[in-house]
N, C-alpha and C. Protein backbone atom coordinates (compact mmCIF):
# COMPACT_ATOMS: atom_id res chain seq x y z
N MET A 1 86.34 45.19 4.81
CA MET A 1 86.39 46.03 5.99
C MET A 1 87.36 47.25 5.66
N THR A 2 86.76 48.45 5.77
CA THR A 2 87.59 49.59 5.61
C THR A 2 87.83 50.24 7.07
N ILE A 3 89.22 50.47 7.20
CA ILE A 3 89.57 51.15 8.63
C ILE A 3 90.18 52.42 8.25
N ARG A 4 89.54 53.51 8.86
CA ARG A 4 90.12 54.90 8.76
C ARG A 4 90.64 55.34 9.97
N LEU A 5 91.40 56.42 9.79
CA LEU A 5 92.05 57.17 10.91
C LEU A 5 91.43 58.54 10.98
N LYS A 6 91.17 59.14 11.99
CA LYS A 6 90.67 60.55 12.09
C LYS A 6 91.19 61.16 13.45
N HIS A 7 91.33 62.47 13.29
CA HIS A 7 91.55 63.25 14.53
C HIS A 7 90.37 63.26 15.31
N ALA A 8 90.37 63.10 16.60
CA ALA A 8 89.28 62.85 17.33
C ALA A 8 88.32 64.22 17.32
N ARG A 9 88.77 65.30 16.96
CA ARG A 9 88.01 66.61 16.87
C ARG A 9 87.29 66.68 15.57
N GLU A 10 87.65 65.77 14.59
CA GLU A 10 86.88 65.79 13.28
C GLU A 10 85.39 65.18 13.71
N ALA A 11 84.49 65.92 12.95
CA ALA A 11 83.08 65.58 13.10
C ALA A 11 82.87 64.10 12.43
N ALA A 12 81.87 63.46 13.16
CA ALA A 12 81.38 62.20 12.85
C ALA A 12 80.81 62.25 11.36
N SER A 13 80.87 61.13 10.64
CA SER A 13 80.26 61.07 9.23
C SER A 13 79.75 59.67 9.15
N VAL A 14 78.76 59.49 8.21
CA VAL A 14 78.17 58.19 7.95
C VAL A 14 79.18 57.18 7.55
N GLU A 15 80.15 57.66 6.72
CA GLU A 15 81.12 56.74 6.22
C GLU A 15 82.18 56.16 7.41
N ASP A 16 82.13 56.73 8.61
CA ASP A 16 83.02 56.35 9.57
C ASP A 16 82.76 54.94 10.16
N GLY A 17 81.48 54.48 10.18
CA GLY A 17 81.04 53.27 10.75
C GLY A 17 81.31 53.35 12.15
N ALA A 18 81.82 52.29 12.79
CA ALA A 18 82.10 52.15 14.24
C ALA A 18 83.29 52.98 14.58
N ARG A 19 82.96 53.99 15.52
CA ARG A 19 84.11 54.86 15.81
C ARG A 19 84.70 54.45 17.19
N VAL A 20 85.94 54.26 17.31
CA VAL A 20 86.63 53.81 18.42
C VAL A 20 87.82 54.68 18.84
N LEU A 21 87.71 55.28 20.06
CA LEU A 21 88.75 56.02 20.47
C LEU A 21 89.91 55.21 21.04
N VAL A 22 91.24 55.45 20.53
CA VAL A 22 92.21 54.60 21.10
C VAL A 22 93.28 55.31 21.91
N ASP A 23 92.83 56.46 22.49
CA ASP A 23 93.81 57.14 23.38
C ASP A 23 93.43 56.94 24.81
N ARG A 24 94.50 57.29 25.62
CA ARG A 24 94.21 57.07 27.14
C ARG A 24 93.20 58.04 27.70
N ARG A 25 93.11 59.23 27.28
CA ARG A 25 92.46 60.41 27.65
C ARG A 25 91.44 60.86 26.70
N LYS A 26 90.30 61.41 27.18
CA LYS A 26 89.44 61.96 26.34
C LYS A 26 89.83 63.23 25.70
N PRO A 27 89.74 63.50 24.42
CA PRO A 27 90.30 64.76 23.81
C PRO A 27 89.65 65.96 24.70
N VAL A 28 90.66 66.90 25.06
CA VAL A 28 90.33 68.17 25.66
C VAL A 28 89.25 69.09 24.85
N ALA A 29 88.28 69.60 25.62
CA ALA A 29 87.25 70.37 24.87
C ALA A 29 86.34 69.60 23.84
N VAL A 30 86.26 68.26 23.99
CA VAL A 30 85.35 67.71 23.05
C VAL A 30 84.34 66.84 24.02
N PRO A 31 83.16 67.23 23.87
CA PRO A 31 82.17 66.43 24.62
C PRO A 31 82.13 64.83 24.23
N LYS A 32 81.97 63.94 25.24
CA LYS A 32 82.08 62.63 24.88
C LYS A 32 80.89 62.34 23.84
N GLU A 33 79.70 62.84 24.23
CA GLU A 33 78.65 62.57 23.32
C GLU A 33 78.89 62.94 21.77
N SER A 34 79.62 64.04 21.55
CA SER A 34 79.83 64.35 20.10
C SER A 34 80.79 63.26 19.47
N LEU A 35 81.49 62.55 20.23
CA LEU A 35 82.56 61.70 19.57
C LEU A 35 81.83 60.47 18.96
N GLU A 36 80.57 60.29 19.49
CA GLU A 36 79.69 59.14 18.86
C GLU A 36 80.41 57.81 18.77
N LEU A 37 81.05 57.45 19.89
CA LEU A 37 81.79 56.32 20.10
C LEU A 37 81.01 54.87 20.15
N ARG A 38 81.58 53.87 19.42
CA ARG A 38 81.18 52.46 19.66
C ARG A 38 81.86 51.97 20.82
N ALA A 39 83.27 52.49 20.98
CA ALA A 39 84.02 51.90 22.09
C ALA A 39 85.30 52.78 22.38
N TRP A 40 85.63 52.68 23.49
CA TRP A 40 86.82 53.61 23.97
C TRP A 40 87.67 52.50 24.64
N LEU A 41 88.96 52.38 23.89
CA LEU A 41 89.79 51.38 24.40
C LEU A 41 91.16 52.01 24.84
N PRO A 42 91.28 52.78 25.92
CA PRO A 42 92.24 53.40 26.41
C PRO A 42 93.70 52.74 26.77
N VAL A 43 93.51 51.36 27.00
CA VAL A 43 94.67 50.52 27.25
C VAL A 43 95.37 50.31 25.90
N LEU A 44 94.92 50.60 24.75
CA LEU A 44 95.69 50.36 23.60
C LEU A 44 96.62 51.61 23.35
N ALA A 45 96.53 52.64 23.92
CA ALA A 45 97.39 53.86 23.84
C ALA A 45 98.70 53.38 24.28
N PRO A 46 99.73 54.02 23.62
CA PRO A 46 101.08 53.74 24.10
C PRO A 46 101.27 54.38 25.65
N SER A 47 102.11 53.93 26.28
CA SER A 47 102.37 54.33 27.62
C SER A 47 102.77 55.91 27.63
N ASP A 48 102.45 56.71 28.53
CA ASP A 48 102.79 57.99 28.68
C ASP A 48 104.35 58.27 28.46
N GLU A 49 105.06 57.30 29.04
CA GLU A 49 106.68 57.48 28.74
C GLU A 49 107.01 57.44 27.29
N LEU A 50 106.40 56.31 26.62
CA LEU A 50 106.89 56.08 25.24
C LEU A 50 106.20 57.29 24.14
N ARG A 51 105.02 57.69 24.71
CA ARG A 51 104.36 58.96 23.95
C ARG A 51 105.19 60.12 24.10
N ARG A 52 105.69 60.49 25.36
CA ARG A 52 106.57 61.65 25.39
C ARG A 52 107.91 61.44 24.62
N TRP A 53 108.37 60.28 24.75
CA TRP A 53 109.80 60.03 24.07
C TRP A 53 109.56 60.28 22.54
N PHE A 54 108.52 59.71 22.00
CA PHE A 54 108.32 59.96 20.55
C PHE A 54 107.98 61.50 20.24
N LYS A 55 107.34 61.92 21.00
CA LYS A 55 107.05 63.51 20.85
C LYS A 55 108.41 64.31 20.74
N GLU A 56 109.26 63.96 21.39
CA GLU A 56 110.61 64.66 21.53
C GLU A 56 111.51 64.23 20.25
N ARG A 57 111.15 62.97 19.67
CA ARG A 57 111.98 62.37 18.68
C ARG A 57 111.14 61.86 17.54
N PRO A 58 110.26 62.75 16.91
CA PRO A 58 109.39 62.27 15.80
C PRO A 58 110.07 61.53 14.64
N ARG A 59 111.37 61.79 14.40
CA ARG A 59 112.08 61.12 13.29
C ARG A 59 112.29 59.71 13.48
N GLN A 60 112.10 59.24 14.92
CA GLN A 60 112.51 57.89 15.32
C GLN A 60 111.10 56.95 15.11
N TRP A 61 110.25 57.23 14.05
CA TRP A 61 109.16 56.47 13.78
C TRP A 61 109.25 54.97 13.85
N PRO A 62 110.35 54.30 13.31
CA PRO A 62 110.57 52.83 13.21
C PRO A 62 110.87 52.40 14.57
N LEU A 63 111.53 53.13 15.40
CA LEU A 63 111.78 52.68 16.80
C LEU A 63 110.55 52.78 17.66
N PHE A 64 109.79 53.88 17.45
CA PHE A 64 108.60 54.13 18.13
C PHE A 64 107.55 52.73 17.83
N ARG A 65 107.45 52.46 16.61
CA ARG A 65 106.76 51.47 16.18
C ARG A 65 107.11 50.02 16.89
N ARG A 66 108.46 49.89 16.92
CA ARG A 66 108.70 48.66 17.53
C ARG A 66 108.60 48.56 18.92
N ARG A 67 108.97 49.76 19.56
CA ARG A 67 108.56 49.78 21.24
C ARG A 67 107.01 49.66 21.34
N TYR A 68 106.35 50.25 20.57
CA TYR A 68 104.85 50.18 20.88
C TYR A 68 104.30 48.88 20.62
N LEU A 69 104.96 47.99 19.67
CA LEU A 69 104.44 46.66 19.45
C LEU A 69 104.87 45.84 20.64
N VAL A 70 105.83 46.20 21.27
CA VAL A 70 106.35 45.30 22.46
C VAL A 70 105.35 45.66 23.66
N GLU A 71 104.87 46.86 23.73
CA GLU A 71 103.97 47.24 24.70
C GLU A 71 102.58 46.48 24.51
N LEU A 72 102.28 46.17 23.24
CA LEU A 72 101.04 45.41 22.92
C LEU A 72 101.17 43.97 23.45
N ARG A 73 102.10 43.55 23.95
CA ARG A 73 102.34 42.11 24.23
C ARG A 73 101.56 41.95 25.64
N ASP A 74 101.35 42.87 26.46
CA ASP A 74 100.72 42.98 27.64
C ASP A 74 99.28 42.19 27.66
N GLN A 75 98.85 41.38 28.63
CA GLN A 75 97.66 40.62 28.70
C GLN A 75 96.37 41.57 28.54
N LYS A 76 96.53 42.67 29.24
CA LYS A 76 95.19 43.70 29.13
C LYS A 76 95.21 44.26 27.66
N THR A 77 96.35 44.52 27.00
CA THR A 77 96.18 44.97 25.70
C THR A 77 95.68 43.88 24.62
N ALA A 78 96.12 42.65 24.90
CA ALA A 78 95.83 41.63 24.06
C ALA A 78 94.23 41.43 24.06
N GLU A 79 93.67 41.63 25.34
CA GLU A 79 92.29 41.45 25.40
C GLU A 79 91.60 42.74 24.67
N ALA A 80 92.12 43.84 24.81
CA ALA A 80 91.52 44.88 24.11
C ALA A 80 91.73 44.85 22.63
N LEU A 81 92.84 44.31 22.19
CA LEU A 81 93.12 44.06 20.61
C LEU A 81 91.96 43.05 20.07
N GLY A 82 91.62 42.10 21.00
CA GLY A 82 90.66 41.14 20.60
C GLY A 82 89.37 41.82 20.41
N ALA A 83 89.01 42.79 21.37
CA ALA A 83 87.67 43.56 21.30
C ALA A 83 87.74 44.40 20.03
N LEU A 84 88.87 44.98 19.84
CA LEU A 84 88.89 45.84 18.53
C LEU A 84 88.85 45.06 17.23
N HIS A 85 89.36 43.89 17.34
CA HIS A 85 89.39 42.88 16.14
C HIS A 85 87.81 42.35 15.95
N GLY A 86 87.12 42.24 17.05
CA GLY A 86 85.64 41.95 16.95
C GLY A 86 84.77 42.90 16.38
N ILE A 87 85.03 44.11 16.88
CA ILE A 87 84.34 45.36 16.32
C ILE A 87 84.68 45.35 14.72
N ALA A 88 85.86 45.36 14.34
CA ALA A 88 86.36 45.41 13.08
C ALA A 88 85.69 44.25 12.22
N GLY A 89 85.47 43.06 12.72
CA GLY A 89 84.78 41.90 12.07
C GLY A 89 83.38 42.12 11.88
N SER A 90 82.81 42.89 12.71
CA SER A 90 81.20 43.09 12.79
C SER A 90 80.76 44.30 11.93
N GLU A 91 81.58 45.04 11.50
CA GLU A 91 81.29 46.34 10.71
C GLU A 91 82.06 46.48 9.58
N PRO A 92 81.27 46.90 8.40
CA PRO A 92 82.02 47.07 7.18
C PRO A 92 83.05 48.26 7.30
N ASN A 93 82.79 49.22 8.05
CA ASN A 93 83.68 50.33 8.19
C ASN A 93 83.96 50.54 9.68
N MET A 94 85.16 51.13 9.94
CA MET A 94 85.51 51.41 11.32
C MET A 94 86.56 52.52 11.14
N THR A 95 86.43 53.60 12.29
CA THR A 95 87.29 54.51 12.23
C THR A 95 87.99 54.65 13.65
N LEU A 96 89.38 54.77 13.56
CA LEU A 96 90.09 54.80 14.89
C LEU A 96 90.50 56.22 15.08
N LEU A 97 90.02 56.74 16.32
CA LEU A 97 90.09 58.06 16.54
C LEU A 97 91.24 58.40 17.50
N THR A 98 92.12 59.42 17.35
CA THR A 98 93.14 59.83 18.06
C THR A 98 93.30 61.29 18.19
N ALA A 99 93.88 61.81 19.22
CA ALA A 99 94.11 63.24 19.34
C ALA A 99 95.55 63.56 18.83
N ALA A 100 96.25 62.52 18.22
CA ALA A 100 97.58 62.83 17.70
C ALA A 100 97.54 63.91 16.58
N LYS A 101 98.46 64.68 16.47
CA LYS A 101 98.55 65.74 15.34
C LYS A 101 98.46 65.11 14.09
N ASP A 102 99.19 64.09 13.79
CA ASP A 102 99.25 63.36 12.65
C ASP A 102 98.86 61.78 12.82
N PRO A 103 97.57 61.44 12.52
CA PRO A 103 97.11 60.10 12.84
C PRO A 103 97.97 59.05 12.03
N GLU A 104 98.27 59.49 10.93
CA GLU A 104 99.11 58.49 9.95
C GLU A 104 100.49 58.15 10.61
N ARG A 105 100.89 58.97 11.52
CA ARG A 105 102.20 58.49 12.14
C ARG A 105 102.11 58.52 13.77
N SER A 106 101.12 57.65 13.94
CA SER A 106 100.63 57.49 15.47
C SER A 106 100.33 56.08 15.83
N HIS A 107 100.03 55.63 16.94
CA HIS A 107 99.89 54.31 17.33
C HIS A 107 98.51 53.94 16.67
N ALA A 108 97.57 54.76 16.35
CA ALA A 108 96.37 54.34 15.53
C ALA A 108 96.74 53.78 14.24
N ALA A 109 97.68 54.23 13.53
CA ALA A 109 98.09 53.72 12.27
C ALA A 109 98.55 52.40 12.34
N ILE A 110 99.35 52.20 13.55
CA ILE A 110 99.99 50.72 13.72
C ILE A 110 98.76 49.87 13.90
N LEU A 111 97.92 50.32 14.84
CA LEU A 111 96.69 49.41 15.01
C LEU A 111 95.92 49.01 13.89
N ARG A 112 95.78 50.06 12.91
CA ARG A 112 94.98 49.84 11.60
C ARG A 112 95.85 48.82 10.86
N ASP A 113 97.24 48.87 10.74
CA ASP A 113 98.03 48.00 9.98
C ASP A 113 97.89 46.55 10.52
N LEU A 114 97.86 46.45 11.78
CA LEU A 114 97.75 45.16 12.56
C LEU A 114 96.29 44.46 12.10
N LEU A 115 95.37 45.30 12.23
CA LEU A 115 93.90 44.91 11.93
C LEU A 115 93.82 44.42 10.32
N GLU A 116 94.39 45.22 9.56
CA GLU A 116 94.24 44.98 8.00
C GLU A 116 95.14 43.84 7.62
N GLY A 117 96.24 43.75 8.21
CA GLY A 117 97.11 42.51 7.86
C GLY A 117 97.79 42.77 6.54
N ALA A 118 97.21 43.62 5.63
CA ALA A 118 97.70 43.87 4.48
C ALA A 118 99.01 44.55 4.34
N LYS A 119 99.32 45.51 5.21
CA LYS A 119 100.55 46.37 5.36
C LYS A 119 101.25 45.77 6.43
N LYS A 120 102.10 44.79 6.03
CA LYS A 120 102.97 44.06 6.96
C LYS A 120 104.18 44.86 7.46
N PRO A 121 104.39 45.08 8.73
CA PRO A 121 105.49 45.91 9.25
C PRO A 121 106.75 45.09 8.77
N PRO A 122 107.86 45.83 8.89
CA PRO A 122 109.26 45.18 8.47
C PRO A 122 109.47 44.15 9.52
N ALA A 123 110.16 43.10 9.02
CA ALA A 123 110.46 41.92 10.00
C ALA A 123 111.19 42.41 11.15
N THR A 124 111.83 43.41 11.22
CA THR A 124 112.54 43.96 12.39
C THR A 124 111.58 44.46 13.45
N SER A 125 110.22 44.75 13.05
CA SER A 125 109.37 45.47 13.93
C SER A 125 107.98 44.96 13.93
N GLY A 126 107.75 43.67 13.24
CA GLY A 126 106.59 43.01 13.13
C GLY A 126 105.99 42.55 14.51
N ALA A 127 104.72 42.47 14.41
CA ALA A 127 103.94 42.09 15.64
C ALA A 127 104.33 40.74 16.19
N ALA A 128 104.54 39.83 15.30
CA ALA A 128 104.93 38.45 15.65
C ALA A 128 106.26 38.47 16.30
N ARG A 129 107.13 39.28 15.61
CA ARG A 129 108.66 39.35 16.24
C ARG A 129 108.64 39.86 17.61
N ALA A 130 107.53 41.14 17.70
CA ALA A 130 107.66 41.73 19.14
C ALA A 130 106.95 41.00 19.96
N ALA A 131 106.03 40.15 19.74
CA ALA A 131 105.30 39.27 20.58
C ALA A 131 106.42 38.08 20.97
N SER A 132 107.25 37.86 20.24
CA SER A 132 108.15 36.76 20.57
C SER A 132 109.39 37.36 21.38
N GLY A 133 109.45 38.77 21.42
CA GLY A 133 110.68 39.36 21.95
C GLY A 133 111.81 39.29 21.16
N GLY A 134 111.66 38.85 19.90
CA GLY A 134 112.97 38.88 18.91
C GLY A 134 113.34 40.16 18.53
N GLY A 135 114.57 40.36 18.18
CA GLY A 135 114.95 41.56 17.61
C GLY A 135 115.31 42.58 18.73
N ILE A 136 115.09 42.35 19.99
CA ILE A 136 115.28 43.31 21.02
C ILE A 136 116.28 42.74 22.00
N ARG A 137 117.33 43.56 22.02
CA ARG A 137 118.41 43.11 22.90
C ARG A 137 118.72 44.10 23.91
N ALA A 138 119.22 43.61 25.07
CA ALA A 138 119.57 44.46 26.12
C ALA A 138 120.95 44.95 25.95
N ARG A 139 121.22 46.16 26.30
CA ARG A 139 122.59 46.77 26.09
C ARG A 139 123.33 46.30 27.32
N ARG A 140 124.64 45.91 26.97
CA ARG A 140 125.67 45.47 28.02
C ARG A 140 126.34 46.78 28.56
N ASN A 141 126.38 46.70 29.84
CA ASN A 141 127.28 47.75 30.44
C ASN A 141 128.79 47.44 30.15
N ARG A 142 129.51 48.28 29.65
CA ARG A 142 130.95 48.07 29.45
C ARG A 142 131.73 49.00 30.21
């Protein structure tokens, strides 16, 4: 299984395989038909709050990754992750589409890493650790 990342405005190609949009909103000025989607899973996008936070702090990639993995613990996102995993298992190629300026430093890259399982995130921000709530501590007011 090969999982690629593409900007949503890039044209579809034969090598893309199943194309899945993982953003909350359809990209502006791109007709839905031209996206040639197998699925659109908007629930897998980071919350608007987290997305805006990361846009203001692009150097905080490890913290964004950790916070996004925590957001993926939700029941709705777990179901969508299952659907994404099902698509990945049924196709030899899959392309995750996002409108992020740099798909390699976006939630789509994190989803790809989770699906591939080959690129394990650091122990401090791994999916299993995030799912268990480990490594995240509340700050005390002093």
